[in-house]
Amino acid sequence: MDSEKIFQELNTKLKNSNILKNEPMSKHTTFKIGGNADIFVKVKSVDDIKSIVEFAHTKNVPFYIIGNGSNILVKDAGIRGIVIKIELDNMKIENNKKDVYITVESGKKIAQIAR
């Protein structure tokens, strides 16, 4: 796997996401441990998630999806492939006088939902 080539191709494909190379996973886990991810993408749109997954399947590149980094351990050797951190943020609240429904995208912080 040529990380530089994959990084360049993803950089041209994605519109709303932040792509990082050789990113320390210790910055993205609550335990603050772990080696580097070859490619780390902070995804801000559903379209970008679809693009990354299609790209990874086409190029036969492993990918991993994480949330806020809670309760995951990353080995010191790091992660080969693409790590996708979902940071979608939309929330909709519906109140029909009897029930309240909250629809939340993956990536919304629990503390924000509680407020």
C-alpha atoms as a PDB file:
ATOM      1  CA  MET A   1       0.000   0.000   0.000  1.00  0.00           C
ATOM      2  CA  ASP A   2       1.399   3.362  -1.043  1.00  0.00           C
ATOM      3  CA  SER A   3       0.121   5.735   1.662  1.00  0.00           C
ATOM      4  CA  GLU A   4       1.261   8.864  -0.155  1.00  0.00           C
ATOM      5  CA  LYS A   5      -0.592   7.935  -3.348  1.00  0.00           C
ATOM      6  CA  ILE A   6      -3.747   7.028  -1.412  1.00  0.00           C
ATOM      7  CA  PHE A   7      -3.521  10.302   0.519  1.00  0.00           C
ATOM      8  CA  GLN A   8      -3.244  12.324  -2.712  1.00  0.00           C
ATOM      9  CA  GLU A   9      -6.175  10.525  -4.352  1.00  0.00           C
ATOM     10  CA  LEU A  10      -8.413  10.928  -1.303  1.00  0.00           C
ATOM     11  CA  ASN A  11      -7.430  14.578  -0.989  1.00  0.00           C
ATOM     12  CA  THR A  12      -8.810  15.271  -4.476  1.00  0.00           C
ATOM     13  CA  LYS A  13     -11.985  13.205  -3.889  1.00  0.00           C
ATOM     14  CA  LEU A  14     -13.195  14.544  -0.555  1.00  0.00           C
ATOM     15  CA  LYS A  15     -14.863  17.927  -0.203  1.00  0.00           C
ATOM     16  CA  ASN A  16     -15.801  18.354   3.446  1.00  0.00           C
ATOM     17  CA  SER A  17     -13.287  16.286   5.357  1.00  0.00           C
ATOM     18  CA  ASN A  18      -9.893  16.814   6.951  1.00  0.00           C
ATOM     19  CA  ILE A  19      -7.284  14.251   5.825  1.00  0.00           C
ATOM     20  CA  LEU A  20      -4.096  13.676   7.819  1.00  0.00           C
ATOM     21  CA  LYS A  21      -1.068  11.461   7.120  1.00  0.00           C
ATOM     22  CA  ASN A  22       0.773   9.454   9.750  1.00  0.00           C
ATOM     23  CA  GLU A  23      -1.562  10.729  12.470  1.00  0.00           C
ATOM     24  CA  PRO A  24      -0.913   9.628  16.080  1.00  0.00           C
ATOM     25  CA  MET A  25      -3.947   7.707  17.289  1.00  0.00           C
ATOM     26  CA  SER A  26      -3.071   8.749  20.839  1.00  0.00           C
ATOM     27  CA  LYS A  27      -4.648  12.119  19.945  1.00  0.00           C
ATOM     28  CA  HIS A  28      -7.954  10.413  19.163  1.00  0.00           C
ATOM     29  CA  THR A  29      -8.519   7.896  21.962  1.00  0.00           C
ATOM     30  CA  THR A  30      -9.647   8.490  25.522  1.00  0.00           C
ATOM     31  CA  PHE A  31      -6.793   6.315  26.801  1.00  0.00           C
ATOM     32  CA  LYS A  32      -4.274   8.547  24.918  1.00  0.00           C
ATOM     33  CA  ILE A  33      -2.285   5.578  23.598  1.00  0.00           C
ATOM     34  CA  GLY A  34      -1.538   4.074  20.216  1.00  0.00           C
ATOM     35  CA  GLY A  35       0.731   4.398  17.238  1.00  0.00           C
ATOM     36  CA  ASN A  36       0.096   6.247  14.007  1.00  0.00           C
ATOM     37  CA  ALA A  37      -2.619   5.686  11.432  1.00  0.00           C
ATOM     38  CA  ASP A  38      -1.335   5.733   7.849  1.00  0.00           C
ATOM     39  CA  ILE A  39      -4.257   7.963   6.864  1.00  0.00           C
ATOM     40  CA  PHE A  40      -6.735   9.562   9.260  1.00  0.00           C
ATOM     41  CA  VAL A  41      -9.868  11.252   7.952  1.00  0.00           C
ATOM     42  CA  LYS A  42     -12.227  13.433   9.995  1.00  0.00           C
ATOM     43  CA  VAL A  43     -15.425  13.024   8.003  1.00  0.00           C
ATOM     44  CA  LYS A  44     -18.003  15.801   7.963  1.00  0.00           C
ATOM     45  CA  SER A  45     -20.491  14.481   5.360  1.00  0.00           C
ATOM     46  CA  VAL A  46     -22.294  11.281   4.442  1.00  0.00           C
ATOM     47  CA  ASP A  47     -21.138  11.697   0.827  1.00  0.00           C
ATOM     48  CA  ASP A  48     -17.501  11.672   1.960  1.00  0.00           C
ATOM     49  CA  ILE A  49     -18.090   8.494   3.978  1.00  0.00           C
ATOM     50  CA  LYS A  50     -19.511   6.822   0.867  1.00  0.00           C
ATOM     51  CA  SER A  51     -16.576   8.049  -1.240  1.00  0.00           C
ATOM     52  CA  ILE A  52     -13.971   6.724   1.199  1.00  0.00           C
ATOM     53  CA  VAL A  53     -15.613   3.308   1.541  1.00  0.00           C
ATOM     54  CA  GLU A  54     -15.989   2.940  -2.245  1.00  0.00           C
ATOM     55  CA  PHE A  55     -12.393   4.079  -2.747  1.00  0.00           C
ATOM     56  CA  ALA A  56     -11.079   1.642  -0.109  1.00  0.00           C
ATOM     57  CA  HIS A  57     -12.964  -1.274  -1.656  1.00  0.00           C
ATOM     58  CA  THR A  58     -11.781  -0.373  -5.165  1.00  0.00           C
ATOM     59  CA  LYS A  59      -8.128  -0.006  -4.095  1.00  0.00           C
ATOM     60  CA  ASN A  60      -8.267  -2.941  -1.654  1.00  0.00           C
ATOM     61  CA  VAL A  61      -7.188  -0.687   1.235  1.00  0.00           C
ATOM     62  CA  PRO A  62      -8.264  -1.623   4.766  1.00  0.00           C
ATOM     63  CA  PHE A  63     -10.378   0.955   6.592  1.00  0.00           C
ATOM     64  CA  TYR A  64     -11.631   1.339  10.143  1.00  0.00           C
ATOM     65  CA  ILE A  65     -14.441   3.508  11.449  1.00  0.00           C
ATOM     66  CA  ILE A  66     -14.263   5.105  14.885  1.00  0.00           C
ATOM     67  CA  GLY A  67     -16.424   7.469  16.864  1.00  0.00           C
ATOM     68  CA  ASN A  68     -15.052   9.653  19.623  1.00  0.00           C
ATOM     69  CA  GLY A  69     -12.264   7.206  20.520  1.00  0.00           C
ATOM     70  CA  SER A  70     -13.876   5.945  23.713  1.00  0.00           C
ATOM     71  CA  ASN A  71     -13.089   2.406  24.777  1.00  0.00           C
ATOM     72  CA  ILE A  72     -10.706   1.571  21.956  1.00  0.00           C
ATOM     73  CA  LEU A  73      -7.086   0.536  22.247  1.00  0.00           C
ATOM     74  CA  VAL A  74      -4.625   1.029  19.400  1.00  0.00           C
ATOM     75  CA  LYS A  75      -1.408  -0.959  19.320  1.00  0.00           C
ATOM     76  CA  ASP A  76       1.912   0.878  19.364  1.00  0.00           C
ATOM     77  CA  ALA A  77       2.559  -0.285  15.794  1.00  0.00           C
ATOM     78  CA  GLY A  78      -0.396   1.835  14.688  1.00  0.00           C
ATOM     79  CA  ILE A  79      -3.016   1.171  12.034  1.00  0.00           C
ATOM     80  CA  ARG A  80      -2.285   0.355   8.401  1.00  0.00           C
ATOM     81  CA  GLY A  81      -4.852   1.780   6.019  1.00  0.00           C
ATOM     82  CA  ILE A  82      -7.488   4.444   6.526  1.00  0.00           C
ATOM     83  CA  VAL A  83      -9.083   5.424   9.836  1.00  0.00           C
ATOM     84  CA  ILE A  84     -12.403   7.203   9.417  1.00  0.00           C
ATOM     85  CA  LYS A  85     -13.523   9.348  12.349  1.00  0.00           C
ATOM     86  CA  ILE A  86     -17.141  10.305  11.859  1.00  0.00           C
ATOM     87  CA  GLU A  87     -17.864  13.886  12.899  1.00  0.00           C
ATOM     88  CA  LEU A  88     -21.387  14.427  11.606  1.00  0.00           C
ATOM     89  CA  ASP A  89     -23.230  16.900  13.782  1.00  0.00           C
ATOM     90  CA  ASN A  90     -26.881  17.305  12.795  1.00  0.00           C
ATOM     91  CA  MET A  91     -29.689  16.798  15.283  1.00  0.00           C
ATOM     92  CA  LYS A  92     -33.455  17.108  14.846  1.00  0.00           C
ATOM     93  CA  ILE A  93     -36.016  17.189  17.668  1.00  0.00           C
ATOM     94  CA  GLU A  94     -39.690  16.448  16.971  1.00  0.00           C
ATOM     95  CA  ASN A  95     -42.389  16.913  19.580  1.00  0.00           C
ATOM     96  CA  ASN A  96     -45.893  15.695  18.694  1.00  0.00           C
ATOM     97  CA  LYS A  97     -47.379  16.509  22.161  1.00  0.00           C
ATOM     98  CA  LYS A  98     -47.381  12.834  23.137  1.00  0.00           C
ATOM     99  CA  ASP A  99     -43.818  11.775  22.282  1.00  0.00           C
ATOM    100  CA  VAL A 100     -40.515  13.464  21.625  1.00  0.00           C
ATOM    101  CA  TYR A 101     -38.248  12.045  18.928  1.00  0.00           C
ATOM    102  CA  ILE A 102     -34.602  12.970  18.594  1.00  0.00           C
ATOM    103  CA  THR A 103     -32.744  12.047  15.427  1.00  0.00           C
ATOM    104  CA  VAL A 104     -28.986  12.379  15.753  1.00  0.00           C
ATOM    105  CA  GLU A 105     -26.196  11.772  13.256  1.00  0.00           C
ATOM    106  CA  SER A 106     -23.222   9.679  14.229  1.00  0.00           C
ATOM    107  CA  GLY A 107     -20.544  11.921  15.645  1.00  0.00           C
ATOM    108  CA  LYS A 108     -22.732  14.158  17.779  1.00  0.00           C
ATOM    109  CA  LYS A 109     -21.363  14.338  21.311  1.00  0.00           C
ATOM    110  CA  ILE A 110     -23.598  12.873  24.033  1.00  0.00           C
ATOM    111  CA  ALA A 111     -23.190  15.968  26.212  1.00  0.00           C
ATOM    112  CA  GLN A 112     -24.559  18.132  23.378  1.00  0.00           C
ATOM    113  CA  ILE A 113     -27.555  15.821  22.981  1.00  0.00           C
ATOM    114  CA  ALA A 114     -28.279  15.917  26.715  1.00  0.00           C
ATOM    115  CA  ARG A 115     -28.307  19.724  26.732  1.00  0.00           C
END
